Amino acid sequence: MKDHINFKGHFKIQAIDTAGEIVDEWEEDNLIMEDARETMSELFSNLNTNTFINKITLGTLGHVGDSIVTAKGKEDGFVKERDRLFSEAPASILNSSDIVALIRKNDIFNINVTTAGYYKYIGDDITSYLINDTNVGDTTLWEYLGATAPYNYTINFDLPGTNASPTGTLAASITEDDVGAGSTVTVLQTGTSVKFTFDFAPNAGNLQNGTTSIFTEAALYSNNRIFSMKTFKAKIKDSAILLRIVWTITF
């Protein structure tokens, strides 16, 4: 006999105009990440770690090459072991002679070599990689992205801890990258599912290209660990569009 828990996620993203009309929509099941196992372990042991879903980030490099309608898949490094978005670089800066324990395909790093800036690793996964001018200068393995970090947009929030209505409860203590933009987070627990509804307000997240952003990936986090992640066909965001993400986790 083989028992298993049907642990899965479902992701839907909608672009909604100022009249409240849905002008673009896409949905699909999504990947539950390996780090979710550690999060669940902390929950079951009741550790004092404040373990819960408390952040969502939209990213801009979840697509393949220049094709913003083609989402990255397994062959592009989108695997359950991935621990950050494709457009996220670690906070630390890598210097010449640093050794990186693991680099995954399409990972991004801020590297301080002769041409300092953000680099994307385009080779296959590798361990014990030495950072230096010669290695980083290999254009078959690295793509230079420039001195500016890829664009992301983040909302942090506290879970409400109650279902105040059949449609869910607004999360508390919302903070987002564009202060005062007015985005909202709604949470609803029903049966074996938790549904998160994220409304990225018209004035939120429009600064990738000055007044417009093109998002192709998203991740849910618990204590800065990715719990669930999705790459998707590009959604264009500007001041005339509210982006709504409905993200359901089912146990």
Foldseek 3Di string as FASTA:
>chain_A
DDDDDPWWKKKKKFKAFPVRDTPDIDIDTFDFAPCLVVLVVCVVVVDPPQWDFWKKKFFAPQADDPQLQHGDDVVQQPDRHDWDDLLDEDPDEAEAFDWAAKDAASHWYQYPAPQTAIKGFHDHMDGRDGDYPVVCVPPVTIDGDDHDGGDMKMKGFAAPPDAPDPVFDWTPDIDIPPGPLDKTWGWDDDDQKIKIKTKQALSGDQPRPHFKGWTFKMFTDTPSTTRIIDGHRIDMGGSRIIMMMIMMIGD
